[in-house]
Amino acid sequence: MNIQQMMKQAQQMQERLQKQMADMKVEGTAGGGMVTVTVNGAKQVLSLTIDPEAVSKDDVPMLQDLILAAINDAQRKADEAVQQQMSGMMGGLKIPGLF
């Protein structure tokens, strides 16, 4: 196999991975499910759901913390899912610095 074929295969793998990442949906939660965030594999926030019980004008800082925690949880899960997909595509081959 020559280098051009290898580069073409690598580009095709990258394109497939990018499509899979865009199609992937991962949920993160905080506050026992009071705040739920859905992100895609590229860690773009797709939706945010807040339980009405969590909404109190007297405790806005707590709600803000729950939102941030849910976003961070969803993004961490997206990273893990992408890493699993990459590992599967690479046949378990680990490339230092990739993830």
N, C-alpha and C. Protein backbone atom coordinates (compact mmCIF):
# COMPACT_ATOMS: atom_id res chain seq x y z
N MET A 1 0.85 -1.18 0.00
CA MET A 1 0.00 0.00 0.00
C MET A 1 0.90 1.24 0.00
N ASN A 2 0.62 2.16 -0.89
CA ASN A 2 1.44 3.36 -0.93
C ASN A 2 0.88 4.45 -0.02
N ILE A 3 1.66 5.49 0.15
CA ILE A 3 1.31 6.55 1.07
C ILE A 3 0.03 7.29 0.65
N GLN A 4 -0.20 7.42 -0.67
CA GLN A 4 -1.42 8.10 -1.14
C GLN A 4 -2.66 7.31 -0.75
N GLN A 5 -2.61 6.00 -0.87
CA GLN A 5 -3.75 5.17 -0.48
C GLN A 5 -4.00 5.29 1.02
N MET A 6 -2.92 5.29 1.79
CA MET A 6 -3.05 5.41 3.25
C MET A 6 -3.67 6.75 3.61
N MET A 7 -3.25 7.82 2.97
CA MET A 7 -3.79 9.15 3.25
C MET A 7 -5.27 9.21 2.87
N LYS A 8 -5.62 8.59 1.75
CA LYS A 8 -7.02 8.59 1.32
C LYS A 8 -7.87 7.82 2.33
N GLN A 9 -7.38 6.68 2.81
CA GLN A 9 -8.12 5.90 3.81
C GLN A 9 -8.27 6.68 5.10
N ALA A 10 -7.20 7.37 5.51
CA ALA A 10 -7.26 8.17 6.74
C ALA A 10 -8.28 9.29 6.60
N GLN A 11 -8.34 9.91 5.44
CA GLN A 11 -9.31 10.98 5.20
C GLN A 11 -10.74 10.43 5.25
N GLN A 12 -10.94 9.26 4.65
CA GLN A 12 -12.27 8.64 4.67
C GLN A 12 -12.68 8.29 6.10
N MET A 13 -11.74 7.79 6.90
CA MET A 13 -12.03 7.47 8.30
C MET A 13 -12.40 8.73 9.06
N GLN A 14 -11.68 9.82 8.81
CA GLN A 14 -11.96 11.08 9.48
C GLN A 14 -13.35 11.58 9.12
N GLU A 15 -13.72 11.50 7.85
CA GLU A 15 -15.04 11.94 7.42
C GLU A 15 -16.14 11.10 8.06
N ARG A 16 -15.94 9.77 8.13
CA ARG A 16 -16.93 8.90 8.79
C ARG A 16 -17.06 9.25 10.27
N LEU A 17 -15.92 9.49 10.92
CA LEU A 17 -15.95 9.82 12.34
C LEU A 17 -16.67 11.14 12.57
N GLN A 18 -16.41 12.14 11.73
CA GLN A 18 -17.08 13.43 11.89
C GLN A 18 -18.59 13.29 11.73
N LYS A 19 -19.03 12.47 10.79
CA LYS A 19 -20.47 12.24 10.61
C LYS A 19 -21.05 11.53 11.82
N GLN A 20 -20.34 10.52 12.32
CA GLN A 20 -20.80 9.79 13.49
C GLN A 20 -20.88 10.72 14.70
N MET A 21 -19.90 11.60 14.84
CA MET A 21 -19.90 12.54 15.96
C MET A 21 -21.09 13.48 15.88
N ALA A 22 -21.40 13.96 14.68
CA ALA A 22 -22.52 14.87 14.51
C ALA A 22 -23.85 14.16 14.80
N ASP A 23 -23.93 12.86 14.48
CA ASP A 23 -25.17 12.10 14.68
C ASP A 23 -25.32 11.60 16.12
N MET A 24 -24.24 11.51 16.85
CA MET A 24 -24.26 10.98 18.21
C MET A 24 -24.98 11.96 19.15
N LYS A 25 -25.75 11.41 20.07
CA LYS A 25 -26.40 12.23 21.08
C LYS A 25 -26.11 11.62 22.45
N VAL A 26 -25.63 12.46 23.37
CA VAL A 26 -25.26 12.01 24.70
C VAL A 26 -25.93 12.95 25.70
N GLU A 27 -26.47 12.37 26.78
CA GLU A 27 -27.11 13.18 27.82
C GLU A 27 -26.24 13.26 29.05
N GLY A 28 -26.25 14.43 29.65
CA GLY A 28 -25.62 14.64 30.94
C GLY A 28 -26.66 15.20 31.88
N THR A 29 -26.54 14.85 33.17
CA THR A 29 -27.53 15.33 34.13
C THR A 29 -26.83 15.89 35.37
N ALA A 30 -27.60 16.65 36.14
CA ALA A 30 -27.13 17.18 37.41
C ALA A 30 -28.33 17.35 38.32
N GLY A 31 -28.05 17.37 39.61
CA GLY A 31 -29.12 17.57 40.58
C GLY A 31 -30.13 16.44 40.57
N GLY A 32 -29.65 15.22 40.39
CA GLY A 32 -30.56 14.08 40.39
C GLY A 32 -31.54 14.11 39.24
N GLY A 33 -31.13 14.69 38.12
CA GLY A 33 -31.99 14.75 36.94
C GLY A 33 -32.80 16.03 36.83
N MET A 34 -32.54 16.97 37.73
CA MET A 34 -33.27 18.24 37.68
C MET A 34 -32.89 19.05 36.45
N VAL A 35 -31.63 18.86 35.98
CA VAL A 35 -31.17 19.52 34.77
C VAL A 35 -30.59 18.44 33.87
N THR A 36 -31.04 18.41 32.61
CA THR A 36 -30.54 17.45 31.63
C THR A 36 -30.10 18.21 30.39
N VAL A 37 -28.89 17.87 29.92
CA VAL A 37 -28.33 18.50 28.72
C VAL A 37 -28.02 17.40 27.72
N THR A 38 -28.35 17.63 26.46
CA THR A 38 -28.01 16.70 25.38
C THR A 38 -27.01 17.40 24.47
N VAL A 39 -25.90 16.70 24.20
CA VAL A 39 -24.88 17.22 23.29
C VAL A 39 -24.61 16.18 22.21
N ASN A 40 -24.02 16.63 21.10
CA ASN A 40 -23.60 15.68 20.08
C ASN A 40 -22.13 15.34 20.31
N GLY A 41 -21.57 14.51 19.46
CA GLY A 41 -20.20 14.08 19.62
C GLY A 41 -19.19 15.21 19.46
N ALA A 42 -19.60 16.29 18.84
CA ALA A 42 -18.74 17.46 18.70
C ALA A 42 -18.91 18.40 19.89
N LYS A 43 -19.66 17.96 20.88
CA LYS A 43 -19.93 18.66 22.14
C LYS A 43 -20.73 19.95 21.95
N GLN A 44 -21.54 19.98 20.91
CA GLN A 44 -22.46 21.10 20.73
C GLN A 44 -23.73 20.80 21.53
N VAL A 45 -24.19 21.76 22.31
CA VAL A 45 -25.39 21.57 23.11
C VAL A 45 -26.60 21.56 22.18
N LEU A 46 -27.36 20.46 22.24
CA LEU A 46 -28.54 20.30 21.38
C LEU A 46 -29.82 20.66 22.12
N SER A 47 -29.86 20.33 23.42
CA SER A 47 -31.06 20.66 24.19
C SER A 47 -30.71 20.79 25.67
N LEU A 48 -31.57 21.51 26.36
CA LEU A 48 -31.43 21.74 27.80
C LEU A 48 -32.82 21.64 28.41
N THR A 49 -32.96 20.75 29.39
CA THR A 49 -34.25 20.59 30.06
C THR A 49 -34.06 20.88 31.54
N ILE A 50 -34.93 21.73 32.08
CA ILE A 50 -34.87 22.09 33.50
C ILE A 50 -36.19 21.71 34.15
N ASP A 51 -36.11 20.88 35.18
CA ASP A 51 -37.30 20.51 35.94
C ASP A 51 -37.84 21.77 36.62
N PRO A 52 -39.14 22.03 36.50
CA PRO A 52 -39.72 23.23 37.13
C PRO A 52 -39.42 23.34 38.62
N GLU A 53 -39.20 22.21 39.28
CA GLU A 53 -38.87 22.22 40.71
C GLU A 53 -37.54 22.92 40.97
N ALA A 54 -36.66 22.95 39.96
CA ALA A 54 -35.33 23.54 40.12
C ALA A 54 -35.35 25.06 39.92
N VAL A 55 -36.46 25.58 39.45
CA VAL A 55 -36.53 27.01 39.15
C VAL A 55 -37.07 27.77 40.35
N SER A 56 -36.18 28.58 40.90
CA SER A 56 -36.57 29.42 42.03
C SER A 56 -35.82 30.73 41.89
N LYS A 57 -36.55 31.82 41.85
CA LYS A 57 -35.89 33.11 41.68
C LYS A 57 -34.98 33.42 42.87
N ASP A 58 -35.20 32.73 43.98
CA ASP A 58 -34.38 32.95 45.16
C ASP A 58 -33.07 32.17 45.12
N ASP A 59 -32.93 31.22 44.20
CA ASP A 59 -31.72 30.40 44.17
C ASP A 59 -31.18 30.23 42.75
N VAL A 60 -31.05 31.33 42.04
CA VAL A 60 -30.53 31.31 40.67
C VAL A 60 -29.10 30.75 40.61
N PRO A 61 -28.20 31.09 41.55
CA PRO A 61 -26.84 30.53 41.49
C PRO A 61 -26.81 29.00 41.52
N MET A 62 -27.71 28.39 42.29
CA MET A 62 -27.75 26.93 42.33
C MET A 62 -28.17 26.38 40.96
N LEU A 63 -29.15 26.99 40.34
CA LEU A 63 -29.60 26.55 39.02
C LEU A 63 -28.47 26.70 37.99
N GLN A 64 -27.75 27.79 38.05
CA GLN A 64 -26.62 27.99 37.15
C GLN A 64 -25.57 26.90 37.34
N ASP A 65 -25.28 26.57 38.59
CA ASP A 65 -24.31 25.50 38.87
C ASP A 65 -24.79 24.16 38.32
N LEU A 66 -26.09 23.88 38.46
CA LEU A 66 -26.64 22.62 37.94
C LEU A 66 -26.52 22.56 36.42
N ILE A 67 -26.78 23.68 35.76
CA ILE A 67 -26.67 23.72 34.30
C ILE A 67 -25.23 23.45 33.87
N LEU A 68 -24.30 24.14 34.50
CA LEU A 68 -22.88 23.92 34.17
C LEU A 68 -22.46 22.48 34.42
N ALA A 69 -22.89 21.91 35.54
CA ALA A 69 -22.53 20.53 35.86
C ALA A 69 -23.11 19.56 34.83
N ALA A 70 -24.33 19.80 34.39
CA ALA A 70 -24.96 18.92 33.39
C ALA A 70 -24.24 19.03 32.05
N ILE A 71 -23.86 20.24 31.66
CA ILE A 71 -23.12 20.42 30.41
C ILE A 71 -21.78 19.70 30.48
N ASN A 72 -21.07 19.88 31.57
CA ASN A 72 -19.77 19.23 31.72
C ASN A 72 -19.91 17.71 31.73
N ASP A 73 -20.96 17.20 32.36
CA ASP A 73 -21.20 15.75 32.38
C ASP A 73 -21.47 15.23 30.97
N ALA A 74 -22.29 15.94 30.22
CA ALA A 74 -22.61 15.52 28.86
C ALA A 74 -21.37 15.57 27.97
N GLN A 75 -20.56 16.60 28.10
CA GLN A 75 -19.36 16.71 27.27
C GLN A 75 -18.35 15.62 27.62
N ARG A 76 -18.22 15.28 28.89
CA ARG A 76 -17.33 14.20 29.30
C ARG A 76 -17.79 12.88 28.70
N LYS A 77 -19.10 12.64 28.74
CA LYS A 77 -19.64 11.41 28.16
C LYS A 77 -19.45 11.38 26.65
N ALA A 78 -19.57 12.54 26.00
CA ALA A 78 -19.36 12.61 24.55
C ALA A 78 -17.90 12.28 24.24
N ASP A 79 -16.97 12.80 25.03
CA ASP A 79 -15.56 12.48 24.83
C ASP A 79 -15.31 10.98 24.94
N GLU A 80 -15.92 10.37 25.95
CA GLU A 80 -15.75 8.92 26.16
C GLU A 80 -16.33 8.13 24.99
N ALA A 81 -17.49 8.54 24.51
CA ALA A 81 -18.13 7.83 23.39
C ALA A 81 -17.30 7.96 22.12
N VAL A 82 -16.78 9.15 21.86
CA VAL A 82 -15.95 9.36 20.68
C VAL A 82 -14.67 8.54 20.79
N GLN A 83 -14.10 8.51 21.98
CA GLN A 83 -12.87 7.74 22.18
C GLN A 83 -13.14 6.25 21.93
N GLN A 84 -14.28 5.75 22.37
CA GLN A 84 -14.62 4.35 22.13
C GLN A 84 -14.77 4.08 20.63
N GLN A 85 -15.43 5.00 19.93
CA GLN A 85 -15.60 4.82 18.48
C GLN A 85 -14.25 4.86 17.78
N MET A 86 -13.40 5.78 18.18
CA MET A 86 -12.07 5.88 17.57
C MET A 86 -11.29 4.60 17.81
N SER A 87 -11.37 4.08 19.02
CA SER A 87 -10.66 2.85 19.36
C SER A 87 -11.16 1.70 18.50
N GLY A 88 -12.47 1.64 18.30
CA GLY A 88 -13.05 0.59 17.46
C GLY A 88 -12.62 0.72 16.01
N MET A 89 -12.55 1.94 15.52
CA MET A 89 -12.15 2.16 14.13
C MET A 89 -10.67 1.84 13.92
N MET A 90 -9.87 2.08 14.96
CA MET A 90 -8.42 1.88 14.84
C MET A 90 -8.02 0.47 15.24
N GLY A 91 -9.01 -0.38 15.55
CA GLY A 91 -8.71 -1.76 15.93
C GLY A 91 -7.97 -1.83 17.24
N GLY A 92 -8.23 -0.90 18.16
CA GLY A 92 -7.59 -0.91 19.46
C GLY A 92 -6.23 -0.23 19.47
N LEU A 93 -5.77 0.26 18.33
CA LEU A 93 -4.49 0.94 18.23
C LEU A 93 -4.58 2.27 18.96
N LYS A 94 -3.64 2.52 19.85
CA LYS A 94 -3.63 3.77 20.60
C LYS A 94 -2.57 4.69 20.02
N ILE A 95 -2.97 5.90 19.67
CA ILE A 95 -2.04 6.88 19.13
C ILE A 95 -1.85 7.95 20.20
N PRO A 96 -0.62 8.08 20.72
CA PRO A 96 -0.37 9.06 21.79
C PRO A 96 -0.78 10.47 21.37
N GLY A 97 -1.44 11.17 22.28
CA GLY A 97 -1.83 12.55 22.02
C GLY A 97 -3.13 12.70 21.27
N LEU A 98 -3.70 11.60 20.77
CA LEU A 98 -4.96 11.71 20.01
C LEU A 98 -6.11 12.00 20.95
N PHE A 99 -6.18 11.30 22.09
CA PHE A 99 -7.20 11.54 23.11
C PHE A 99 -6.58 11.35 24.46
